[in-house]
Amino acid sequence: MSTMALAIMLGCGKDPSKTDVAVPGYASAAPAIDSQQSAIVFTDITREAGLDFVHISGAFGRKWMPETLGSGGGFLDYDNDGLPDIFLVNSAYWTGHESGSAPPVSRLYRNLGAGRFEDVSAAAGLDFTLYGMGCTFADYDNDGDLDIYITAVGDNKLLRNDSGIFTDVTRAAGVLGNSDVPGDAPAWSTSAAWLDYDRDGWLDLFVCNYVKWTPETDLFTTLDGTSKSYATPQLYQGETSRLYRNLQGKRFVEVTQQAGVYNPEGKSLGVAVADFNHDHWPDIIVANDTQPNFLYLNNGDGTFSDVALPAGVAYDEYGRARGGMGIDVADLRNDGNLSIAIGNFAREPLSLYTQIRNDGLLFQDLAGSARITQPTVLPLTFGLLFADLDLDGYQDLVVGNGHIEPHINDIQQEIYYAQKPQLFRNTTRGRFVDLGKSAGPAFDEPMVARGIASADIDNDGDIDLLITTNGGTPKLLRNDLPQGPHWIKIRLVGAALNVDAIGAAVTVWSGDLRQTRWVRTGSSYLSQSDISTLIFGLGEHSLVDSVTVQWPISGNIDKLKEVKSGQTLVIHE
């Protein structure tokens, strides 16, 4: 491939098929569309919380491709004490290029309350090294505690939680994530999600894979014709994502082909689970990098159909595949229509595919009318997440940005390696306002962001954030929302199987405010938010008129009436 062709892919040359959009820096050019001031302010408490983690990419000057994409993390209550703990994925030094210091390890931080955390990695059995990428958490063996799955360059890891001590059961369980081609290189796995796709009560595992890469096949590419740059995915063959069916918590069987999700053209980085056609079967949406996205509609018989093309989510409005990375799904107007947000490469704005028919089969990219196209054109977006950060009953959007090439500014003066995260407030009408630095100093500081996850770390009812980085330290951001907006937290306890009720749908009515949330894993990028509780902002409503729960296995519906705000409601099936 010519240097000019590669320059176009990296945005260094002018591609006549694309129209440049002039945006000064990364400041939002979106007009103010309502006069209401936001009370959302976050405080960076990373250091005082005790998080001393540093992500090691292993970079040693050769610019091997995996160095650019890690890493993830998230929240899980691993010890069942009601407080969300933090897990952070680390990568490693490459063989023959070790630094001489101790090998990097992923870290587990136990929540001590009051915004403090303690490193319990070694005591929990996590003192091992792998070239990690992302993680997802669920109780796959139905024993009452959350297990950890780590994706990696090479063999992935399934860690069974045995009363707070983790045991590597990857090989026995059959979820290494390797290619099924004899003699082929191990897969490079990225994001993953647990779901009960066949509704038998045992959680199955969907694993995104990226491209076929090894150190021996890393390609020499250039930004300016003189020095090596990180390669782009167009230069590599894709790798199919994989679906593993859970056989009663003891082992898994790969069902990728028979389930209809085999696609070796995929270069998948993000996955989210939702019920797009309201048939009570979980569907899967996958963000692909330079390849069309996948929307796997669950047929209810153990198979899926990819309907991304007719649904309008495979390509952008010009019929081009974007550089899809992070992904999330939400009902932004509380009208039953779902929106799919996907973070894309630099010079490719955020996608916001929104249902225009609520049977899930037709979407339109409404990023422009939502006022998020212009402020997201220049940044390279990895993690993104919907969350109701001001507790007004409408989900806002957090975006993590950061380039893959440290020297990109030498070639493109308007684009930087470290970039500011962004917070877009939902104005309740399907439009957003970029809050910029008014959301706190953390949103005015450039960083090389990757994953985003959310949880209420201090049990005060509002949603706090974790942002992971590439080659640096994460940020733990405490939401300092003033008292005023009401809220309710809901924790579901399923029957004998799937006790965390993954796949359940909860609808809360407060006056004319109707909200629906799902208990689900995945979303964002390489990361996972807390699944132990659902947080519903109620705005000025101090009373919940009704709560409806549709349980995932049986489909049965439970309903409660007249619940006071400001409490955690535990609902048993």
Protein backbone atom coordinates (compact mmCIF):
# COMPACT_ATOMS: atom_id res chain seq x y z
CA MET A 1 0.00 0.00 0.00
CA SER A 2 1.33 3.43 -0.90
CA THR A 3 2.31 6.06 1.64
CA MET A 4 -0.35 8.38 0.22
CA ALA A 5 -3.06 5.73 0.65
CA LEU A 6 -2.04 5.20 4.24
CA ALA A 7 -1.94 8.95 4.85
CA ILE A 8 -5.54 9.21 3.68
CA MET A 9 -6.59 6.42 6.05
CA LEU A 10 -4.93 8.25 8.93
CA GLY A 11 -6.49 11.53 7.87
CA CYS A 12 -3.11 12.99 6.83
CA GLY A 13 -4.03 13.44 3.18
CA LYS A 14 -7.24 14.79 1.74
CA ASP A 15 -9.78 12.15 0.80
CA PRO A 16 -12.01 13.61 -1.93
CA SER A 17 -14.88 11.39 -0.79
CA LYS A 18 -15.04 13.20 2.55
CA THR A 19 -15.87 16.77 3.44
CA ASP A 20 -13.69 18.46 6.01
CA VAL A 21 -15.51 20.20 8.85
CA ALA A 22 -13.73 23.11 10.46
CA VAL A 23 -14.02 22.97 14.24
CA PRO A 24 -11.83 25.19 16.41
CA GLY A 25 -9.98 22.85 18.77
CA TYR A 26 -12.26 20.52 20.63
CA ALA A 27 -14.61 23.12 22.06
CA SER A 28 -18.27 22.50 21.43
CA ALA A 29 -19.78 24.58 18.65
CA ALA A 30 -23.26 23.33 19.52
CA PRO A 31 -25.67 26.16 20.26
CA ALA A 32 -27.36 26.36 23.64
CA ILE A 33 -30.81 24.89 23.10
CA ASP A 34 -32.33 25.55 26.49
CA SER A 35 -31.75 28.03 29.26
CA GLN A 36 -31.65 25.54 32.11
CA GLN A 37 -28.27 25.44 33.84
CA SER A 38 -26.71 22.07 34.60
CA ALA A 39 -25.73 21.12 38.13
CA ILE A 40 -23.49 18.27 36.96
CA VAL A 41 -20.00 18.66 38.45
CA PHE A 42 -17.41 15.91 38.89
CA THR A 43 -14.40 15.85 41.20
CA ASP A 44 -11.30 13.79 40.44
CA ILE A 45 -10.69 11.64 43.53
CA THR A 46 -8.32 9.10 41.94
CA ARG A 47 -5.38 9.74 44.24
CA GLU A 48 -7.28 10.17 47.50
CA ALA A 49 -9.33 7.05 46.70
CA GLY A 50 -6.12 4.99 46.66
CA LEU A 51 -6.00 4.05 42.98
CA ASP A 52 -2.28 3.86 42.16
CA PHE A 53 -2.73 1.91 38.92
CA VAL A 54 -0.70 2.65 35.76
CA HIS A 55 -1.51 0.94 32.47
CA ILE A 56 1.57 -0.57 30.78
CA SER A 57 1.25 -0.88 27.00
CA GLY A 58 4.72 -2.42 26.57
CA ALA A 59 5.65 0.10 23.89
CA PHE A 60 9.38 0.00 23.12
CA GLY A 61 9.64 2.02 19.91
CA ARG A 62 8.53 -0.50 17.29
CA LYS A 63 4.91 0.65 17.49
CA TRP A 64 3.19 -2.72 17.50
CA MET A 65 -0.51 -2.36 16.86
CA PRO A 66 -2.01 -3.69 20.15
CA GLU A 67 -0.15 -1.03 22.14
CA THR A 68 -2.69 1.58 21.04
CA LEU A 69 -6.01 0.02 22.06
CA GLY A 70 -5.91 -0.96 25.75
CA SER A 71 -7.14 -0.92 28.29
CA GLY A 72 -10.45 -1.31 30.07
CA GLY A 73 -11.89 -1.78 33.51
CA GLY A 74 -15.07 -1.41 35.46
CA PHE A 75 -17.14 -1.88 38.59
CA LEU A 76 -18.21 -5.13 40.25
CA ASP A 77 -19.30 -6.00 43.78
CA TYR A 78 -17.02 -9.02 44.00
CA ASP A 79 -17.48 -9.56 47.76
CA ASN A 80 -21.25 -8.92 47.93
CA ASP A 81 -21.00 -6.20 50.54
CA GLY A 82 -23.19 -3.77 48.62
CA LEU A 83 -20.32 -1.50 47.56
CA PRO A 84 -19.06 -1.52 43.95
CA ASP A 85 -15.38 -2.44 43.70
CA ILE A 86 -13.02 -1.53 40.83
CA PHE A 87 -11.16 -3.82 38.43
CA LEU A 88 -8.53 -2.42 36.06
CA VAL A 89 -7.04 -4.43 33.19
CA ASN A 90 -3.32 -4.18 32.52
CA SER A 91 -1.27 -5.22 29.50
CA ALA A 92 2.36 -6.35 29.55
CA TYR A 93 5.90 -5.90 28.31
CA TRP A 94 6.66 -7.71 25.08
CA THR A 95 8.90 -10.75 25.25
CA GLY A 96 12.52 -9.67 25.03
CA HIS A 97 11.67 -6.07 25.85
CA GLU A 98 10.96 -6.27 29.58
CA SER A 99 11.85 -3.20 31.65
CA GLY A 100 13.50 -5.08 34.51
CA SER A 101 10.79 -4.00 36.93
CA ALA A 102 8.04 -6.27 38.23
CA PRO A 103 5.70 -7.60 35.52
CA PRO A 104 2.49 -5.58 35.21
CA VAL A 105 -0.68 -7.09 36.67
CA SER A 106 -4.35 -6.21 36.53
CA ARG A 107 -5.67 -4.73 39.77
CA LEU A 108 -8.71 -5.28 41.97
CA TYR A 109 -9.55 -2.48 44.40
CA ARG A 110 -12.01 -3.22 47.21
CA ASN A 111 -14.42 -0.43 48.11
CA LEU A 112 -13.96 0.51 51.76
CA GLY A 113 -16.69 3.14 51.72
CA ALA A 114 -16.40 6.93 51.95
CA GLY A 115 -14.65 7.04 48.59
CA ARG A 116 -11.69 4.91 49.63
CA PHE A 117 -10.38 1.73 47.98
CA GLU A 118 -7.84 -0.94 48.93
CA ASP A 119 -5.69 -2.96 46.52
CA VAL A 120 -6.57 -6.62 47.13
CA SER A 121 -5.20 -8.03 43.84
CA ALA A 122 -2.67 -10.44 45.32
CA ALA A 123 -4.97 -11.66 48.09
CA ALA A 124 -7.70 -12.27 45.50
CA GLY A 125 -5.40 -14.41 43.34
CA LEU A 126 -4.96 -11.90 40.53
CA ASP A 127 -1.17 -11.62 40.60
CA PHE A 128 -0.62 -12.85 37.03
CA THR A 129 0.41 -11.12 33.82
CA LEU A 130 -1.15 -11.21 30.36
CA TYR A 131 -1.49 -8.73 27.53
CA GLY A 132 -4.96 -7.73 28.67
CA MET A 133 -7.51 -5.63 26.80
CA GLY A 134 -10.96 -5.59 28.41
CA CYS A 135 -13.23 -7.26 30.94
CA THR A 136 -16.81 -8.24 31.71
CA PHE A 137 -18.34 -9.52 34.94
CA ALA A 138 -21.21 -11.92 35.69
CA ASP A 139 -22.13 -14.92 37.81
CA TYR A 140 -21.70 -17.56 35.11
CA ASP A 141 -21.87 -20.55 37.49
CA ASN A 142 -24.88 -19.35 39.50
CA ASP A 143 -23.10 -19.63 42.85
CA GLY A 144 -23.98 -16.13 44.03
CA ASP A 145 -20.83 -14.13 43.26
CA LEU A 146 -19.49 -12.31 40.20
CA ASP A 147 -16.81 -13.91 38.04
CA ILE A 148 -14.39 -12.08 35.74
CA TYR A 149 -13.62 -12.61 32.06
CA ILE A 150 -10.54 -10.82 30.71
CA THR A 151 -9.93 -10.41 26.98
CA ALA A 152 -6.38 -10.29 25.69
CA VAL A 153 -3.93 -10.50 22.82
CA GLY A 154 -3.56 -14.25 23.01
CA ASP A 155 -5.41 -16.46 25.47
CA ASN A 156 -8.27 -14.83 27.37
CA LYS A 157 -8.97 -15.66 31.03
CA LEU A 158 -12.11 -16.79 32.85
CA LEU A 159 -11.65 -16.27 36.58
CA ARG A 160 -14.13 -18.05 38.83
CA ASN A 161 -14.94 -16.23 42.05
CA ASP A 162 -14.76 -18.56 45.04
CA SER A 163 -15.76 -16.40 48.01
CA GLY A 164 -13.50 -13.54 46.98
CA ILE A 165 -10.61 -15.66 45.68
CA PHE A 166 -10.35 -16.04 41.90
CA THR A 167 -9.37 -19.29 40.16
CA ASP A 168 -8.32 -19.52 36.51
CA VAL A 169 -10.73 -22.00 34.88
CA THR A 170 -10.29 -20.84 31.27
CA ARG A 171 -9.09 -24.07 29.69
CA ALA A 172 -11.49 -26.33 31.56
CA ALA A 173 -14.36 -24.02 30.65
CA GLY A 174 -13.33 -23.83 26.96
CA VAL A 175 -13.31 -20.05 26.53
CA LEU A 176 -9.71 -19.25 25.56
CA GLY A 177 -11.01 -17.20 22.63
CA ASN A 178 -8.55 -18.77 20.19
CA SER A 179 -9.15 -19.18 16.50
CA ASP A 180 -10.76 -22.43 15.40
CA VAL A 181 -8.35 -22.68 12.44
CA PRO A 182 -5.64 -25.29 13.20
CA GLY A 183 -2.22 -23.71 13.43
CA ASP A 184 -3.62 -20.17 13.30
CA ALA A 185 -2.48 -17.49 15.73
CA PRO A 186 -4.47 -16.89 18.93
CA ALA A 187 -7.20 -14.32 18.55
CA TRP A 188 -6.92 -10.70 19.63
CA SER A 189 -10.05 -10.21 21.73
CA THR A 190 -11.44 -6.82 22.74
CA SER A 191 -14.85 -6.16 24.31
CA ALA A 192 -17.13 -8.90 25.65
CA ALA A 193 -20.59 -9.28 27.16
CA TRP A 194 -22.53 -11.85 29.14
CA LEU A 195 -26.13 -12.57 28.10
CA ASP A 196 -28.63 -15.40 28.36
CA TYR A 197 -29.32 -15.60 24.64
CA ASP A 198 -31.33 -18.86 24.92
CA ARG A 199 -33.04 -17.90 28.22
CA ASP A 200 -32.17 -21.15 29.97
CA GLY A 201 -30.92 -19.33 33.08
CA TRP A 202 -27.21 -19.89 32.38
CA LEU A 203 -25.29 -16.85 31.15
CA ASP A 204 -23.60 -17.20 27.78
CA LEU A 205 -20.59 -15.24 26.55
CA PHE A 206 -20.12 -13.09 23.43
CA VAL A 207 -16.49 -12.14 22.71
CA CYS A 208 -15.45 -9.51 20.15
CA ASN A 209 -12.30 -10.22 18.16
CA TYR A 210 -10.36 -7.62 16.20
CA VAL A 211 -7.80 -8.54 13.52
CA LYS A 212 -5.30 -11.32 12.82
CA TRP A 213 -2.06 -9.91 14.20
CA THR A 214 1.25 -11.22 15.52
CA PRO A 215 4.57 -9.45 16.13
CA GLU A 216 5.88 -11.24 13.06
CA THR A 217 3.10 -9.83 10.87
CA ASP A 218 3.14 -6.26 12.20
CA LEU A 219 3.35 -4.01 9.17
CA PHE A 220 5.64 -1.02 8.75
CA THR A 221 3.59 2.08 8.01
CA THR A 222 4.44 5.77 8.08
CA LEU A 223 2.79 9.05 8.87
CA ASP A 224 5.25 11.27 7.02
CA GLY A 225 7.22 8.83 4.88
CA THR A 226 10.18 8.68 7.26
CA SER A 227 9.13 7.19 10.61
CA LYS A 228 6.93 4.25 11.55
CA SER A 229 3.38 4.84 12.74
CA TYR A 230 0.81 2.51 14.27
CA ALA A 231 -0.88 0.43 11.58
CA THR A 232 -4.57 0.78 10.74
CA PRO A 233 -6.99 -2.19 10.61
CA GLN A 234 -7.40 -1.97 6.82
CA LEU A 235 -4.00 -3.63 6.53
CA TYR A 236 -5.08 -6.79 8.35
CA GLN A 237 -7.55 -9.61 7.90
CA GLY A 238 -10.52 -9.53 10.27
CA GLU A 239 -11.38 -12.13 12.91
CA THR A 240 -14.87 -13.34 13.72
CA SER A 241 -16.40 -12.64 17.10
CA ARG A 242 -17.37 -15.75 19.06
CA LEU A 243 -20.40 -16.91 21.01
CA TYR A 244 -20.04 -19.49 23.79
CA ARG A 245 -23.08 -21.30 25.18
CA ASN A 246 -23.00 -22.01 28.90
CA LEU A 247 -23.52 -25.67 29.80
CA GLN A 248 -24.88 -25.38 33.34
CA GLY A 249 -21.94 -23.44 34.72
CA LYS A 250 -19.35 -26.19 34.22
CA ARG A 251 -18.08 -25.52 30.73
CA PHE A 252 -18.94 -23.76 27.48
CA VAL A 253 -19.37 -24.86 23.89
CA GLU A 254 -18.64 -22.50 21.01
CA VAL A 255 -21.77 -21.99 18.89
CA THR A 256 -20.58 -19.14 16.69
CA GLN A 257 -21.41 -20.71 13.34
CA GLN A 258 -24.61 -22.54 14.25
CA ALA A 259 -25.95 -19.44 16.00
CA GLY A 260 -25.42 -17.33 12.87
CA VAL A 261 -22.88 -14.85 14.26
CA TYR A 262 -19.83 -16.12 12.35
CA ASN A 263 -18.30 -13.32 10.27
CA PRO A 264 -14.54 -13.34 9.59
CA GLU A 265 -14.79 -9.87 8.01
CA GLY A 266 -15.60 -8.33 11.38
CA LYS A 267 -13.06 -6.13 13.13
CA SER A 268 -15.04 -5.77 16.31
CA LEU A 269 -14.23 -3.41 19.19
CA GLY A 270 -17.52 -2.79 20.99
CA VAL A 271 -20.62 -4.79 21.90
CA ALA A 272 -23.93 -3.95 23.55
CA VAL A 273 -26.98 -6.06 24.36
CA ALA A 274 -30.59 -4.82 24.10
CA ASP A 275 -34.07 -5.96 23.07
CA PHE A 276 -34.61 -3.91 19.93
CA ASN A 277 -37.91 -5.44 18.81
CA HIS A 278 -39.49 -5.92 22.27
CA ASP A 279 -39.89 -9.68 21.93
CA HIS A 280 -38.11 -10.38 25.25
CA TRP A 281 -35.12 -12.02 23.52
CA PRO A 282 -31.72 -10.29 23.87
CA ASP A 283 -30.23 -8.93 20.65
CA ILE A 284 -26.58 -7.99 20.04
CA ILE A 285 -25.17 -4.85 18.39
CA VAL A 286 -21.46 -4.86 17.45
CA ALA A 287 -19.30 -1.85 16.51
CA ASN A 288 -16.71 -2.66 13.85
CA ASP A 289 -13.58 -0.71 12.92
CA THR A 290 -13.59 0.14 9.16
CA GLN A 291 -16.11 -2.64 8.53
CA PRO A 292 -19.93 -2.45 8.61
CA ASN A 293 -21.48 -2.85 12.06
CA PHE A 294 -23.52 -5.95 12.98
CA LEU A 295 -27.01 -6.03 14.47
CA TYR A 296 -27.81 -9.60 15.44
CA LEU A 297 -31.53 -10.02 15.99
CA ASN A 298 -32.34 -12.97 18.24
CA ASN A 299 -34.69 -15.40 16.46
CA GLY A 300 -35.69 -17.08 19.72
CA ASP A 301 -34.57 -20.51 18.54
CA GLY A 302 -30.86 -20.30 19.38
CA THR A 303 -29.96 -18.41 16.19
CA PHE A 304 -29.45 -14.78 15.18
CA SER A 305 -29.96 -12.86 11.94
CA ASP A 306 -27.75 -9.91 11.01
CA VAL A 307 -30.21 -7.13 10.11
CA ALA A 308 -27.73 -4.23 10.33
CA LEU A 309 -27.96 -3.32 6.64
CA PRO A 310 -31.77 -3.14 6.27
CA ALA A 311 -32.01 -1.59 9.73
CA GLY A 312 -29.69 1.24 8.67
CA VAL A 313 -26.92 0.78 11.26
CA ALA A 314 -24.24 -0.96 9.17
CA TYR A 315 -22.87 2.18 7.48
CA ASP A 316 -23.05 5.94 7.80
CA GLU A 317 -25.50 7.99 5.75
CA TYR A 318 -23.07 8.01 2.81
CA GLY A 319 -22.75 4.23 2.72
CA ARG A 320 -19.28 4.16 4.30
CA ALA A 321 -18.06 2.00 7.15
CA ARG A 322 -16.67 4.13 9.95
CA GLY A 323 -13.99 3.35 12.51
CA GLY A 324 -16.41 2.11 15.18
CA MET A 325 -15.09 1.57 18.70
CA GLY A 326 -17.16 2.09 21.87
CA ILE A 327 -20.93 1.57 21.89
CA ASP A 328 -23.97 1.97 24.11
CA VAL A 329 -27.77 1.84 23.84
CA ALA A 330 -30.45 3.92 25.59
CA ASP A 331 -33.99 5.26 25.31
CA LEU A 332 -33.09 8.95 25.19
CA ARG A 333 -36.59 10.43 25.01
CA ASN A 334 -38.31 7.83 27.20
CA ASP A 335 -40.64 7.08 24.31
CA GLY A 336 -39.73 3.42 23.76
CA ASN A 337 -37.40 4.08 20.81
CA LEU A 338 -33.79 3.07 21.36
CA SER A 339 -30.68 4.97 20.25
CA ILE A 340 -27.32 3.34 19.51
CA ALA A 341 -24.28 5.59 20.06
CA ILE A 342 -20.97 4.54 18.49
CA GLY A 343 -17.62 6.29 18.93
CA ASN A 344 -15.61 6.64 15.72
CA PHE A 345 -12.17 7.61 14.43
CA ALA A 346 -10.89 11.19 14.16
CA ARG A 347 -12.77 13.22 11.52
CA GLU A 348 -15.71 10.85 11.89
CA PRO A 349 -18.39 12.22 14.23
CA LEU A 350 -20.25 10.16 16.78
CA SER A 351 -23.01 7.95 15.34
CA LEU A 352 -26.44 8.10 16.99
CA TYR A 353 -28.64 5.54 15.24
CA THR A 354 -32.18 6.05 16.55
CA GLN A 355 -35.24 3.90 15.99
CA ILE A 356 -37.87 5.49 13.79
CA ARG A 357 -39.96 2.33 14.04
CA ASN A 358 -40.03 0.79 17.48
CA ASP A 359 -40.04 -2.79 16.17
CA GLY A 360 -36.26 -2.39 16.00
CA LEU A 361 -35.84 -2.83 12.28
CA LEU A 362 -35.34 0.74 11.05
CA PHE A 363 -32.91 3.37 12.40
CA GLN A 364 -31.72 6.80 11.31
CA ASP A 365 -28.51 8.55 12.38
CA LEU A 366 -29.81 11.56 14.30
CA ALA A 367 -26.46 12.78 15.63
CA GLY A 368 -26.88 16.03 13.70
CA SER A 369 -30.31 16.90 15.05
CA ALA A 370 -29.11 15.83 18.52
CA ARG A 371 -26.36 18.49 18.25
CA ILE A 372 -23.45 16.12 18.78
CA THR A 373 -22.01 15.93 15.23
CA GLN A 374 -19.92 19.09 15.19
CA PRO A 375 -18.31 18.76 18.64
CA THR A 376 -17.34 15.12 17.96
CA VAL A 377 -15.82 15.50 14.48
CA LEU A 378 -12.17 15.95 15.42
CA PRO A 379 -11.76 13.76 18.53
CA LEU A 380 -11.04 10.04 18.24
CA THR A 381 -13.67 8.46 20.48
CA PHE A 382 -13.18 5.11 22.23
CA GLY A 383 -15.37 4.76 25.32
CA LEU A 384 -18.85 6.20 25.60
CA LEU A 385 -21.66 5.67 28.04
CA PHE A 386 -25.25 6.72 28.63
CA ALA A 387 -26.12 7.58 32.26
CA ASP A 388 -28.54 9.93 33.99
CA LEU A 389 -25.91 12.09 35.64
CA ASP A 390 -28.21 14.87 36.87
CA LEU A 391 -31.03 12.51 37.95
CA ASP A 392 -33.67 14.28 35.87
CA GLY A 393 -34.93 11.01 34.38
CA TYR A 394 -33.16 11.37 31.02
CA GLN A 395 -29.87 9.72 30.14
CA ASP A 396 -26.85 11.89 29.38
CA LEU A 397 -23.78 10.91 27.36
CA VAL A 398 -20.13 10.68 28.49
CA VAL A 399 -17.42 10.36 25.82
CA GLY A 400 -13.77 9.32 26.24
CA ASN A 401 -11.36 10.59 23.58
CA GLY A 402 -7.72 9.98 22.72
CA HIS A 403 -5.75 9.27 19.54
CA ILE A 404 -3.70 6.17 18.73
CA GLU A 405 -0.66 7.97 17.32
CA PRO A 406 1.46 9.95 19.84
CA HIS A 407 2.91 12.16 17.10
CA ILE A 408 -0.31 12.89 15.23
CA ASN A 409 -0.01 16.63 15.95
CA ASP A 410 3.23 16.78 13.96
CA ILE A 411 1.19 16.02 10.84
CA GLN A 412 -2.28 17.31 11.68
CA GLN A 413 -2.03 20.47 13.75
CA GLU A 414 -5.71 20.48 14.74
CA ILE A 415 -5.60 16.93 16.20
CA TYR A 416 -3.86 15.89 19.40
CA TYR A 417 -2.85 12.59 21.01
CA ALA A 418 -4.30 13.45 24.42
CA GLN A 419 -7.83 14.82 24.13
CA LYS A 420 -10.45 16.13 26.53
CA PRO A 421 -13.32 13.85 27.55
CA GLN A 422 -16.78 15.23 26.83
CA LEU A 423 -20.07 15.29 28.70
CA PHE A 424 -23.30 15.92 26.82
CA ARG A 425 -26.40 16.71 28.87
CA ASN A 426 -29.70 15.37 27.56
CA THR A 427 -32.19 18.24 27.36
CA THR A 428 -35.11 15.73 27.37
CA ARG A 429 -36.02 16.48 23.77
CA GLY A 430 -33.51 14.20 22.10
CA ARG A 431 -30.91 16.96 21.94
CA PHE A 432 -27.70 17.42 23.89
CA VAL A 433 -25.66 20.29 25.28
CA ASP A 434 -21.87 19.93 25.56
CA LEU A 435 -21.14 20.97 29.14
CA GLY A 436 -17.40 21.31 28.58
CA LYS A 437 -15.29 22.34 31.55
CA SER A 438 -18.39 23.42 33.53
CA ALA A 439 -18.66 19.72 34.46
CA GLY A 440 -15.43 20.04 36.45
CA PRO A 441 -11.66 20.32 35.82
CA ALA A 442 -11.45 16.66 34.76
CA PHE A 443 -13.39 17.53 31.61
CA ASP A 444 -10.92 20.28 30.77
CA GLU A 445 -7.81 18.06 31.00
CA PRO A 446 -6.60 16.17 27.91
CA MET A 447 -6.06 12.44 28.39
CA VAL A 448 -5.65 9.33 26.26
CA ALA A 449 -8.99 7.88 27.29
CA ARG A 450 -10.24 4.39 26.46
CA GLY A 451 -13.01 2.81 28.60
CA ILE A 452 -15.78 4.42 30.67
CA ALA A 453 -17.81 2.76 33.42
CA SER A 454 -20.32 4.00 36.00
CA ALA A 455 -21.45 3.14 39.53
CA ASP A 456 -22.61 4.82 42.72
CA ILE A 457 -19.39 4.30 44.67
CA ASP A 458 -20.46 6.21 47.78
CA ASN A 459 -24.16 5.23 47.96
CA ASP A 460 -25.40 8.83 47.75
CA GLY A 461 -27.76 8.07 44.86
CA ASP A 462 -25.91 9.78 42.01
CA ILE A 463 -23.72 8.14 39.37
CA ASP A 464 -19.92 8.31 39.56
CA LEU A 465 -17.54 7.58 36.69
CA LEU A 466 -14.35 5.66 35.95
CA ILE A 467 -12.32 6.55 32.83
CA THR A 468 -9.44 4.26 31.85
CA THR A 469 -6.45 5.36 29.79
CA ASN A 470 -3.81 3.99 27.46
CA GLY A 471 -0.33 4.04 28.97
CA GLY A 472 -1.38 6.11 31.96
CA THR A 473 -3.48 6.37 35.10
CA PRO A 474 -7.27 6.10 35.22
CA LYS A 475 -9.58 8.78 36.56
CA LEU A 476 -12.16 8.12 39.25
CA LEU A 477 -14.68 10.96 39.14
CA ARG A 478 -17.10 11.56 41.99
CA ASN A 479 -20.44 13.09 41.04
CA ASP A 480 -21.02 16.07 43.34
CA LEU A 481 -24.61 16.68 42.34
CA PRO A 482 -26.30 18.92 44.93
CA GLN A 483 -29.27 17.65 46.87
CA GLY A 484 -32.56 18.24 45.16
CA PRO A 485 -33.22 15.70 42.41
CA HIS A 486 -34.91 12.57 43.71
CA TRP A 487 -33.87 9.03 42.83
CA ILE A 488 -34.53 5.38 43.49
CA LYS A 489 -32.16 2.43 43.23
CA ILE A 490 -33.49 -1.00 42.32
CA ARG A 491 -31.74 -4.31 42.92
CA LEU A 492 -33.24 -7.44 41.41
CA VAL A 493 -32.89 -10.95 42.80
CA GLY A 494 -33.84 -13.66 40.34
CA ALA A 495 -35.12 -17.10 41.16
CA ALA A 496 -32.85 -20.16 41.36
CA LEU A 497 -30.98 -19.36 38.12
CA ASN A 498 -29.58 -16.02 36.88
CA VAL A 499 -29.87 -14.53 40.34
CA ASP A 500 -28.62 -11.12 39.09
CA ALA A 501 -31.53 -11.05 36.61
CA ILE A 502 -29.36 -10.26 33.57
CA GLY A 503 -31.81 -9.39 30.80
CA ALA A 504 -34.60 -8.12 33.05
CA ALA A 505 -36.47 -4.97 32.02
CA VAL A 506 -37.54 -2.47 34.70
CA THR A 507 -40.04 0.33 34.04
CA VAL A 508 -40.55 3.15 36.55
CA TRP A 509 -43.48 5.61 36.41
CA SER A 510 -43.36 8.93 38.29
CA GLY A 511 -46.14 11.27 37.25
CA ASP A 512 -45.76 11.67 33.48
CA LEU A 513 -42.13 10.46 33.58
CA ARG A 514 -41.73 6.92 32.29
CA GLN A 515 -38.31 5.21 32.19
CA THR A 516 -37.21 1.74 31.19
CA ARG A 517 -33.79 0.24 31.95
CA TRP A 518 -32.33 -3.22 31.41
CA VAL A 519 -29.96 -5.23 33.57
CA ARG A 520 -27.15 -5.95 31.13
CA THR A 521 -23.40 -6.31 30.78
CA GLY A 522 -21.13 -4.98 28.04
CA SER A 523 -21.35 -1.53 26.38
CA SER A 524 -18.78 1.27 26.52
CA TYR A 525 -15.34 0.04 25.33
CA LEU A 526 -13.45 -2.85 26.97
CA SER A 527 -15.32 -1.99 30.16
CA GLN A 528 -18.41 -2.66 32.25
CA SER A 529 -20.54 -0.61 34.62
CA ASP A 530 -22.02 -1.82 37.90
CA ILE A 531 -24.86 -4.31 37.28
CA SER A 532 -25.89 -4.78 40.91
CA THR A 533 -28.36 -1.89 40.95
CA LEU A 534 -30.31 0.23 38.50
CA ILE A 535 -30.45 3.95 39.32
CA PHE A 536 -33.49 5.94 38.21
CA GLY A 537 -33.44 9.72 38.45
CA LEU A 538 -36.85 11.13 39.32
CA GLY A 539 -36.23 14.87 39.06
CA GLU A 540 -38.80 16.67 41.21
CA HIS A 541 -40.88 13.54 41.86
CA SER A 542 -40.59 12.29 45.44
CA LEU A 543 -42.86 9.31 44.85
CA VAL A 544 -42.69 6.47 42.35
CA ASP A 545 -46.19 5.65 41.16
CA SER A 546 -45.27 2.16 39.99
CA VAL A 547 -42.37 -0.19 39.28
CA THR A 548 -42.78 -3.00 36.75
CA VAL A 549 -40.24 -5.81 36.37
CA GLN A 550 -40.26 -8.26 33.49
CA TRP A 551 -38.07 -11.19 34.52
CA PRO A 552 -35.64 -12.61 31.94
CA ILE A 553 -36.25 -16.37 32.02
CA SER A 554 -39.96 -16.76 32.65
CA GLY A 555 -41.08 -13.47 31.18
CA ASN A 556 -43.32 -13.02 34.22
CA ILE A 557 -44.17 -9.49 35.32
CA ASP A 558 -44.13 -8.16 38.90
CA LYS A 559 -45.54 -4.75 39.79
CA LEU A 560 -45.17 -2.53 42.86
CA LYS A 561 -47.04 0.70 43.54
CA GLU A 562 -46.35 3.91 45.47
CA VAL A 563 -42.69 3.65 46.43
CA LYS A 564 -40.91 6.54 48.15
CA SER A 565 -37.76 7.93 46.57
CA GLY A 566 -34.29 7.95 48.16
CA GLN A 567 -34.07 4.24 48.88
CA THR A 568 -32.69 1.02 47.43
CA LEU A 569 -35.58 -1.26 46.58
CA VAL A 570 -34.75 -4.99 46.54
CA ILE A 571 -37.22 -6.95 44.41
CA HIS A 572 -37.26 -10.75 44.48
CA GLU A 573 -38.73 -12.76 41.62
